[in-house]
Amino acid sequence: MIIIPAIDLRDGRCVRLERGDYSKETIYDQDPVAVARRWVEKGAKRLHLVDLDGAKAGTPVQKDLVIRIARSVPVPVEVGGGIRTEETIRYYLENGVKWVILGSAAVKNRELLFRAAQEYPGRVILGLDARDGKVAVEGWLETTSTDPLTLVETAASWGVHEVIYTDINRDGTLKGPNLEALAEIAGKSSIPVIASGGISSLGDLLEVKKLAPLGISGAIVGKALYSGAVDLEQAIACVETQAVE
């Protein structure tokens, strides 16, 4: 299981929100490029970027910064937030980004998800953001009636590469991941699932790793890294190299 540091971008800075609430923002660094390089120096093999401004606006806002980060590190990056058109997908994938994450578009424009997965095999990820068992969109500001499992099954049948499952009620809280929901999603998904939201400790990461046989291939860690609750080098040494008991 791979550990993926999160870099959330807002107003050109590296920040974290709590439960997706834009009024509960903590600024961690004024230089996201330096942050990306630092995580790579500590052993990160992949980075998770989110354009928070873009997610809220419905169109990319931090795309130039995203590309700068992607081109400044020797590891692959994925990006989500405001990706709603083929032009945006093409721009990112042709300018250094390895994977694009479709969340709102996957719910509101299924045809875009299908076309992107077909045109860019292995490079489209479903961003499955759930609140109380339902999918949330538009920067998590809107909760839909979409069932997460149905969306995963559809995406998998279309050739989507992976699923990032985020429990919004846990995100940025350091209260631990929703292991039950992760097990359910991974157990019924035919494509790999990446866990996101609430990871607060090395112990949490090891609990998530126990779900690896179900198809959990990675875990995104944000606030726990920035607060110092998780040491990336230690976590990689323990989680990525230790066999599941």
C-alpha atoms as a PDB file:
ATOM      1  CA  MET A   1       0.000   0.000   0.000  1.00  0.00           C
ATOM      2  CA  ILE A   2       1.404   3.364  -1.034  1.00  0.00           C
ATOM      3  CA  ILE A   3       1.180   6.534   1.061  1.00  0.00           C
ATOM      4  CA  ILE A   4       0.261   9.626  -0.951  1.00  0.00           C
ATOM      5  CA  PRO A   5       0.780  13.089   0.573  1.00  0.00           C
ATOM      6  CA  ALA A   6      -1.985  15.583  -0.162  1.00  0.00           C
ATOM      7  CA  ILE A   7      -1.299  19.140  -1.274  1.00  0.00           C
ATOM      8  CA  ASP A   8      -4.455  21.235  -1.209  1.00  0.00           C
ATOM      9  CA  LEU A   9      -4.185  24.519  -3.071  1.00  0.00           C
ATOM     10  CA  ARG A  10      -6.097  27.710  -2.327  1.00  0.00           C
ATOM     11  CA  ASP A  11      -5.070  31.246  -3.290  1.00  0.00           C
ATOM     12  CA  GLY A  12      -1.664  29.905  -4.313  1.00  0.00           C
ATOM     13  CA  ARG A  13      -0.949  28.440  -0.895  1.00  0.00           C
ATOM     14  CA  CYS A  14      -0.848  24.988   0.672  1.00  0.00           C
ATOM     15  CA  VAL A  15      -3.828  24.683   3.046  1.00  0.00           C
ATOM     16  CA  ARG A  16      -6.110  22.169   4.722  1.00  0.00           C
ATOM     17  CA  LEU A  17      -9.836  22.409   5.298  1.00  0.00           C
ATOM     18  CA  GLU A  18     -11.913  20.604   7.903  1.00  0.00           C
ATOM     19  CA  ARG A  19     -14.720  18.461   6.451  1.00  0.00           C
ATOM     20  CA  GLY A  20     -14.458  20.464   3.244  1.00  0.00           C
ATOM     21  CA  ASP A  21     -15.558  23.641   5.029  1.00  0.00           C
ATOM     22  CA  TYR A  22     -13.944  26.618   3.286  1.00  0.00           C
ATOM     23  CA  SER A  23     -14.401  28.724   6.428  1.00  0.00           C
ATOM     24  CA  LYS A  24     -12.260  26.268   8.421  1.00  0.00           C
ATOM     25  CA  GLU A  25      -8.964  26.718   6.627  1.00  0.00           C
ATOM     26  CA  THR A  26      -5.464  26.274   8.008  1.00  0.00           C
ATOM     27  CA  ILE A  27      -2.592  27.686   5.943  1.00  0.00           C
ATOM     28  CA  TYR A  28       0.475  25.459   6.145  1.00  0.00           C
ATOM     29  CA  ASP A  29       2.847  26.912   3.564  1.00  0.00           C
ATOM     30  CA  GLN A  30       3.057  29.809   1.145  1.00  0.00           C
ATOM     31  CA  ASP A  31       5.117  27.749  -1.345  1.00  0.00           C
ATOM     32  CA  PRO A  32       3.353  24.563  -2.511  1.00  0.00           C
ATOM     33  CA  VAL A  33       6.196  23.744  -4.914  1.00  0.00           C
ATOM     34  CA  ALA A  34       8.618  23.576  -1.983  1.00  0.00           C
ATOM     35  CA  VAL A  35       6.120  21.429  -0.092  1.00  0.00           C
ATOM     36  CA  ALA A  36       5.939  18.980  -3.001  1.00  0.00           C
ATOM     37  CA  ARG A  37       9.703  18.729  -3.203  1.00  0.00           C
ATOM     38  CA  ARG A  38       9.926  18.195   0.543  1.00  0.00           C
ATOM     39  CA  TRP A  39       7.514  15.259   0.489  1.00  0.00           C
ATOM     40  CA  VAL A  40       9.426  13.676  -2.383  1.00  0.00           C
ATOM     41  CA  GLU A  41      12.700  14.114  -0.504  1.00  0.00           C
ATOM     42  CA  LYS A  42      11.103  12.232   2.390  1.00  0.00           C
ATOM     43  CA  GLY A  43      10.215   9.317   0.133  1.00  0.00           C
ATOM     44  CA  ALA A  44       6.827  10.066  -1.438  1.00  0.00           C
ATOM     45  CA  LYS A  45       6.363   8.144  -4.677  1.00  0.00           C
ATOM     46  CA  ARG A  46       3.208   9.996  -5.720  1.00  0.00           C
ATOM     47  CA  LEU A  47       1.450  13.265  -4.850  1.00  0.00           C
ATOM     48  CA  HIS A  48      -2.228  14.166  -4.580  1.00  0.00           C
ATOM     49  CA  LEU A  49      -3.064  17.740  -5.623  1.00  0.00           C
ATOM     50  CA  VAL A  50      -6.422  19.444  -5.158  1.00  0.00           C
ATOM     51  CA  ASP A  51      -7.397  22.793  -6.646  1.00  0.00           C
ATOM     52  CA  LEU A  52      -9.803  23.885  -3.905  1.00  0.00           C
ATOM     53  CA  ASP A  53     -10.588  27.143  -5.675  1.00  0.00           C
ATOM     54  CA  GLY A  54     -11.360  25.180  -8.828  1.00  0.00           C
ATOM     55  CA  ALA A  55     -13.574  22.699  -7.011  1.00  0.00           C
ATOM     56  CA  LYS A  56     -15.673  25.558  -5.674  1.00  0.00           C
ATOM     57  CA  ALA A  57     -15.696  27.563  -8.915  1.00  0.00           C
ATOM     58  CA  GLY A  58     -16.354  24.599 -11.200  1.00  0.00           C
ATOM     59  CA  THR A  59     -13.364  25.431 -13.375  1.00  0.00           C
ATOM     60  CA  PRO A  60      -9.599  25.221 -12.759  1.00  0.00           C
ATOM     61  CA  VAL A  61      -8.170  28.199 -10.896  1.00  0.00           C
ATOM     62  CA  GLN A  62      -4.751  26.920  -9.773  1.00  0.00           C
ATOM     63  CA  LYS A  63      -3.860  25.039 -12.959  1.00  0.00           C
ATOM     64  CA  ASP A  64      -0.630  26.947 -13.607  1.00  0.00           C
ATOM     65  CA  LEU A  65       0.532  26.141 -10.072  1.00  0.00           C
ATOM     66  CA  VAL A  66      -0.485  22.505 -10.537  1.00  0.00           C
ATOM     67  CA  ILE A  67       1.658  22.257 -13.664  1.00  0.00           C
ATOM     68  CA  ARG A  68       4.595  23.932 -11.919  1.00  0.00           C
ATOM     69  CA  ILE A  69       4.397  21.348  -9.150  1.00  0.00           C
ATOM     70  CA  ALA A  70       4.049  18.454 -11.588  1.00  0.00           C
ATOM     71  CA  ARG A  71       7.118  19.597 -13.499  1.00  0.00           C
ATOM     72  CA  SER A  72       9.178  20.240 -10.373  1.00  0.00           C
ATOM     73  CA  VAL A  73       9.113  16.714  -8.939  1.00  0.00           C
ATOM     74  CA  PRO A  74      10.308  13.360 -10.333  1.00  0.00           C
ATOM     75  CA  VAL A  75       7.243  11.443  -9.160  1.00  0.00           C
ATOM     76  CA  PRO A  76       3.767  11.227 -10.741  1.00  0.00           C
ATOM     77  CA  VAL A  77       1.037  13.573  -9.538  1.00  0.00           C
ATOM     78  CA  GLU A  78      -2.730  13.396  -9.694  1.00  0.00           C
ATOM     79  CA  VAL A  79      -5.022  16.398  -9.597  1.00  0.00           C
ATOM     80  CA  GLY A  80      -8.666  17.056  -8.875  1.00  0.00           C
ATOM     81  CA  GLY A  81     -10.818  20.134  -8.476  1.00  0.00           C
ATOM     82  CA  GLY A  82     -12.832  21.905 -11.148  1.00  0.00           C
ATOM     83  CA  ILE A  83     -12.131  19.409 -13.917  1.00  0.00           C
ATOM     84  CA  ARG A  84     -15.334  19.549 -15.938  1.00  0.00           C
ATOM     85  CA  THR A  85     -14.278  19.592 -19.616  1.00  0.00           C
ATOM     86  CA  GLU A  86     -12.270  17.590 -22.135  1.00  0.00           C
ATOM     87  CA  GLU A  87     -10.070  20.636 -22.683  1.00  0.00           C
ATOM     88  CA  THR A  88      -9.062  20.714 -19.022  1.00  0.00           C
ATOM     89  CA  ILE A  89      -8.371  16.990 -18.967  1.00  0.00           C
ATOM     90  CA  ARG A  90      -6.222  17.262 -22.077  1.00  0.00           C
ATOM     91  CA  TYR A  91      -4.354  20.294 -20.716  1.00  0.00           C
ATOM     92  CA  TYR A  92      -3.373  18.544 -17.514  1.00  0.00           C
ATOM     93  CA  LEU A  93      -2.453  15.202 -19.069  1.00  0.00           C
ATOM     94  CA  GLU A  94      -0.373  16.819 -21.812  1.00  0.00           C
ATOM     95  CA  ASN A  95       1.522  19.081 -19.426  1.00  0.00           C
ATOM     96  CA  GLY A  96       2.983  16.804 -16.805  1.00  0.00           C
ATOM     97  CA  VAL A  97       0.071  15.507 -14.725  1.00  0.00           C
ATOM     98  CA  LYS A  98      -0.158  11.703 -14.652  1.00  0.00           C
ATOM     99  CA  TRP A  99      -3.802  11.298 -13.543  1.00  0.00           C
ATOM    100  CA  VAL A 100      -6.891  13.496 -13.482  1.00  0.00           C
ATOM    101  CA  ILE A 101      -9.570  12.997 -10.850  1.00  0.00           C
ATOM    102  CA  LEU A 102     -13.175  13.431 -11.898  1.00  0.00           C
ATOM    103  CA  GLY A 103     -15.634  13.948  -9.061  1.00  0.00           C
ATOM    104  CA  SER A 104     -18.494  16.329  -9.825  1.00  0.00           C
ATOM    105  CA  ALA A 105     -18.185  15.621 -13.546  1.00  0.00           C
ATOM    106  CA  ALA A 106     -18.454  11.884 -12.877  1.00  0.00           C
ATOM    107  CA  VAL A 107     -21.864  12.482 -11.326  1.00  0.00           C
ATOM    108  CA  LYS A 108     -23.220  15.277 -13.492  1.00  0.00           C
ATOM    109  CA  ASN A 109     -21.643  14.433 -16.841  1.00  0.00           C
ATOM    110  CA  ARG A 110     -21.270  10.664 -17.162  1.00  0.00           C
ATOM    111  CA  GLU A 111     -20.504  11.004 -20.858  1.00  0.00           C
ATOM    112  CA  LEU A 112     -17.369  13.013 -20.042  1.00  0.00           C
ATOM    113  CA  LEU A 113     -16.210  10.338 -17.614  1.00  0.00           C
ATOM    114  CA  PHE A 114     -16.772   7.646 -20.214  1.00  0.00           C
ATOM    115  CA  ARG A 115     -14.995   9.520 -23.035  1.00  0.00           C
ATOM    116  CA  ALA A 116     -12.041  10.457 -20.831  1.00  0.00           C
ATOM    117  CA  ALA A 117     -11.554   6.883 -19.611  1.00  0.00           C
ATOM    118  CA  GLN A 118     -11.635   5.635 -23.188  1.00  0.00           C
ATOM    119  CA  GLU A 119      -9.324   8.303 -24.604  1.00  0.00           C
ATOM    120  CA  TYR A 120      -6.820   8.237 -21.749  1.00  0.00           C
ATOM    121  CA  PRO A 121      -6.709   4.635 -20.484  1.00  0.00           C
ATOM    122  CA  GLY A 122      -5.055   4.271 -17.100  1.00  0.00           C
ATOM    123  CA  ARG A 123      -5.050   8.013 -16.450  1.00  0.00           C
ATOM    124  CA  VAL A 124      -8.546   8.796 -15.162  1.00  0.00           C
ATOM    125  CA  ILE A 125      -9.471   8.392 -11.497  1.00  0.00           C
ATOM    126  CA  LEU A 126     -12.939   8.549  -9.985  1.00  0.00           C
ATOM    127  CA  GLY A 127     -13.092  10.933  -7.041  1.00  0.00           C
ATOM    128  CA  LEU A 128     -15.772   9.418  -4.841  1.00  0.00           C
ATOM    129  CA  ASP A 129     -16.535  11.909  -2.089  1.00  0.00           C
ATOM    130  CA  ALA A 130     -19.259  10.706   0.256  1.00  0.00           C
ATOM    131  CA  ARG A 131     -21.223  12.309   3.064  1.00  0.00           C
ATOM    132  CA  ASP A 132     -23.602  10.133   5.085  1.00  0.00           C
ATOM    133  CA  GLY A 133     -23.636   7.462   2.390  1.00  0.00           C
ATOM    134  CA  LYS A 134     -24.296   9.770  -0.567  1.00  0.00           C
ATOM    135  CA  VAL A 135     -21.977  11.347  -3.139  1.00  0.00           C
ATOM    136  CA  ALA A 136     -21.156  15.047  -2.695  1.00  0.00           C
ATOM    137  CA  VAL A 137     -20.104  17.379  -5.529  1.00  0.00           C
ATOM    138  CA  GLU A 138     -19.189  21.005  -6.305  1.00  0.00           C
ATOM    139  CA  GLY A 139     -16.371  21.232  -3.797  1.00  0.00           C
ATOM    140  CA  TRP A 140     -18.455  19.109  -1.373  1.00  0.00           C
ATOM    141  CA  LEU A 141     -20.973  21.940  -1.130  1.00  0.00           C
ATOM    142  CA  GLU A 142     -23.792  19.858  -2.646  1.00  0.00           C
ATOM    143  CA  THR A 143     -24.899  16.376  -1.583  1.00  0.00           C
ATOM    144  CA  THR A 144     -26.597  14.307  -4.292  1.00  0.00           C
ATOM    145  CA  SER A 145     -28.813  11.232  -4.244  1.00  0.00           C
ATOM    146  CA  THR A 146     -26.163   9.209  -6.098  1.00  0.00           C
ATOM    147  CA  ASP A 147     -25.264   5.871  -4.517  1.00  0.00           C
ATOM    148  CA  PRO A 148     -21.454   5.451  -4.213  1.00  0.00           C
ATOM    149  CA  LEU A 149     -21.424   1.736  -5.048  1.00  0.00           C
ATOM    150  CA  THR A 150     -23.464   2.223  -8.207  1.00  0.00           C
ATOM    151  CA  LEU A 151     -21.122   4.991  -9.347  1.00  0.00           C
ATOM    152  CA  VAL A 152     -18.056   2.815  -8.724  1.00  0.00           C
ATOM    153  CA  GLU A 153     -19.519  -0.094 -10.693  1.00  0.00           C
ATOM    154  CA  THR A 154     -20.316   2.179 -13.634  1.00  0.00           C
ATOM    155  CA  ALA A 155     -16.874   3.791 -13.613  1.00  0.00           C
ATOM    156  CA  ALA A 156     -15.127   0.428 -13.448  1.00  0.00           C
ATOM    157  CA  SER A 157     -17.097  -0.888 -16.411  1.00  0.00           C
ATOM    158  CA  TRP A 158     -15.976   2.121 -18.432  1.00  0.00           C
ATOM    159  CA  GLY A 159     -12.287   1.588 -17.747  1.00  0.00           C
ATOM    160  CA  VAL A 160     -11.628   4.125 -14.992  1.00  0.00           C
ATOM    161  CA  HIS A 161      -8.199   3.450 -13.466  1.00  0.00           C
ATOM    162  CA  GLU A 162      -8.823   3.824  -9.720  1.00  0.00           C
ATOM    163  CA  VAL A 163     -11.228   5.168  -7.116  1.00  0.00           C
ATOM    164  CA  ILE A 164     -10.294   7.660  -4.412  1.00  0.00           C
ATOM    165  CA  TYR A 165     -12.829   7.253  -1.627  1.00  0.00           C
ATOM    166  CA  THR A 166     -13.121  10.192   0.759  1.00  0.00           C
ATOM    167  CA  ASP A 167     -15.418  10.253   3.766  1.00  0.00           C
ATOM    168  CA  ILE A 168     -16.115  13.989   4.025  1.00  0.00           C
ATOM    169  CA  ASN A 169     -17.181  13.786   7.654  1.00  0.00           C
ATOM    170  CA  ARG A 170     -13.707  12.472   8.521  1.00  0.00           C
ATOM    171  CA  ASP A 171     -11.607  14.672   6.222  1.00  0.00           C
ATOM    172  CA  GLY A 172      -9.309  17.066   8.064  1.00  0.00           C
ATOM    173  CA  THR A 173     -10.567  15.916  11.471  1.00  0.00           C
ATOM    174  CA  LEU A 174      -7.811  13.464  12.475  1.00  0.00           C
ATOM    175  CA  LYS A 175     -10.551  11.207  13.855  1.00  0.00           C
ATOM    176  CA  GLY A 176      -9.565   8.124  11.895  1.00  0.00           C
ATOM    177  CA  PRO A 177     -10.760   6.741   8.552  1.00  0.00           C
ATOM    178  CA  ASN A 178     -14.163   5.171   7.950  1.00  0.00           C
ATOM    179  CA  LEU A 179     -12.909   1.591   7.799  1.00  0.00           C
ATOM    180  CA  GLU A 180     -16.367   0.086   7.412  1.00  0.00           C
ATOM    181  CA  ALA A 181     -17.191   2.189   4.355  1.00  0.00           C
ATOM    182  CA  LEU A 182     -13.748   1.579   2.869  1.00  0.00           C
ATOM    183  CA  ALA A 183     -14.162  -2.179   3.267  1.00  0.00           C
ATOM    184  CA  GLU A 184     -17.564  -2.052   1.618  1.00  0.00           C
ATOM    185  CA  ILE A 185     -16.382   0.018  -1.336  1.00  0.00           C
ATOM    186  CA  ALA A 186     -13.168  -1.961  -1.862  1.00  0.00           C
ATOM    187  CA  GLY A 187     -14.920  -5.289  -1.458  1.00  0.00           C
ATOM    188  CA  LYS A 188     -17.365  -4.486  -4.226  1.00  0.00           C
ATOM    189  CA  SER A 189     -15.034  -2.573  -6.551  1.00  0.00           C
ATOM    190  CA  SER A 190     -13.252  -4.319  -9.406  1.00  0.00           C
ATOM    191  CA  ILE A 191     -10.652  -1.521  -9.581  1.00  0.00           C
ATOM    192  CA  PRO A 192      -8.165  -0.380  -6.892  1.00  0.00           C
ATOM    193  CA  VAL A 193      -9.399   1.942  -4.141  1.00  0.00           C
ATOM    194  CA  ILE A 194      -7.368   4.675  -2.452  1.00  0.00           C
ATOM    195  CA  ALA A 195      -8.428   5.649   1.057  1.00  0.00           C
ATOM    196  CA  SER A 196      -8.785   9.309   1.991  1.00  0.00           C
ATOM    197  CA  GLY A 197     -10.090  11.254   4.954  1.00  0.00           C
ATOM    198  CA  GLY A 198      -9.437  11.183   8.682  1.00  0.00           C
ATOM    199  CA  ILE A 199      -6.096   9.371   8.856  1.00  0.00           C
ATOM    200  CA  SER A 200      -4.457  10.602  12.051  1.00  0.00           C
ATOM    201  CA  SER A 201      -1.673   8.184  12.930  1.00  0.00           C
ATOM    202  CA  LEU A 202       0.554   5.339  11.877  1.00  0.00           C
ATOM    203  CA  GLY A 203      -1.942   3.066  13.586  1.00  0.00           C
ATOM    204  CA  ASP A 204      -4.692   4.317  11.274  1.00  0.00           C
ATOM    205  CA  LEU A 205      -2.512   3.579   8.263  1.00  0.00           C
ATOM    206  CA  LEU A 206      -1.853   0.050   9.482  1.00  0.00           C
ATOM    207  CA  GLU A 207      -5.592  -0.492   9.972  1.00  0.00           C
ATOM    208  CA  VAL A 208      -6.220   0.665   6.401  1.00  0.00           C
ATOM    209  CA  LYS A 209      -3.484  -1.643   5.193  1.00  0.00           C
ATOM    210  CA  LYS A 210      -5.371  -4.601   6.651  1.00  0.00           C
ATOM    211  CA  LEU A 211      -7.943  -3.907   3.948  1.00  0.00           C
ATOM    212  CA  ALA A 212      -5.345  -4.275   1.178  1.00  0.00           C
ATOM    213  CA  PRO A 213      -6.546  -7.801   0.299  1.00  0.00           C
ATOM    214  CA  LEU A 214      -9.928  -6.245  -0.550  1.00  0.00           C
ATOM    215  CA  GLY A 215      -8.309  -3.883  -3.040  1.00  0.00           C
ATOM    216  CA  ILE A 216      -7.094  -0.872  -1.052  1.00  0.00           C
ATOM    217  CA  SER A 217      -3.948   0.163  -2.922  1.00  0.00           C
ATOM    218  CA  GLY A 218      -3.064   3.430  -1.230  1.00  0.00           C
ATOM    219  CA  ALA A 219      -3.884   6.026   1.391  1.00  0.00           C
ATOM    220  CA  ILE A 220      -3.895   9.799   1.028  1.00  0.00           C
ATOM    221  CA  VAL A 221      -2.600  11.614   4.083  1.00  0.00           C
ATOM    222  CA  GLY A 222      -2.989  15.346   4.579  1.00  0.00           C
ATOM    223  CA  LYS A 223      -3.445  17.061   7.919  1.00  0.00           C
ATOM    224  CA  ALA A 224      -1.644  14.318   9.855  1.00  0.00           C
ATOM    225  CA  LEU A 225       1.527  15.017   7.877  1.00  0.00           C
ATOM    226  CA  TYR A 226       1.310  18.781   8.219  1.00  0.00           C
ATOM    227  CA  SER A 227       0.577  18.658  11.937  1.00  0.00           C
ATOM    228  CA  GLY A 228       3.411  16.211  12.576  1.00  0.00           C
ATOM    229  CA  ALA A 229       1.099  13.442  13.792  1.00  0.00           C
ATOM    230  CA  VAL A 230       2.507  11.188  11.053  1.00  0.00           C
ATOM    231  CA  ASP A 231       6.150  11.164  10.008  1.00  0.00           C
ATOM    232  CA  LEU A 232       6.221  10.361   6.298  1.00  0.00           C
ATOM    233  CA  GLU A 233       9.566   8.575   6.268  1.00  0.00           C
ATOM    234  CA  GLN A 234       8.613   6.414   9.241  1.00  0.00           C
ATOM    235  CA  ALA A 235       5.188   5.667   7.769  1.00  0.00           C
ATOM    236  CA  ILE A 236       6.629   4.619   4.410  1.00  0.00           C
ATOM    237  CA  ALA A 237       9.202   2.394   6.097  1.00  0.00           C
ATOM    238  CA  CYS A 238       6.517   0.706   8.149  1.00  0.00           C
ATOM    239  CA  VAL A 239       3.482   0.594   5.879  1.00  0.00           C
ATOM    240  CA  GLU A 240       4.898   0.178   2.397  1.00  0.00           C
ATOM    241  CA  THR A 241       7.381  -2.514   3.341  1.00  0.00           C
ATOM    242  CA  GLN A 242       5.472  -4.485   5.971  1.00  0.00           C
ATOM    243  CA  ALA A 243       3.423  -7.487   4.951  1.00  0.00           C
ATOM    244  CA  VAL A 244      -0.211  -7.651   5.999  1.00  0.00           C
ATOM    245  CA  GLU A 245      -0.573  -9.885   9.040  1.00  0.00           C
END
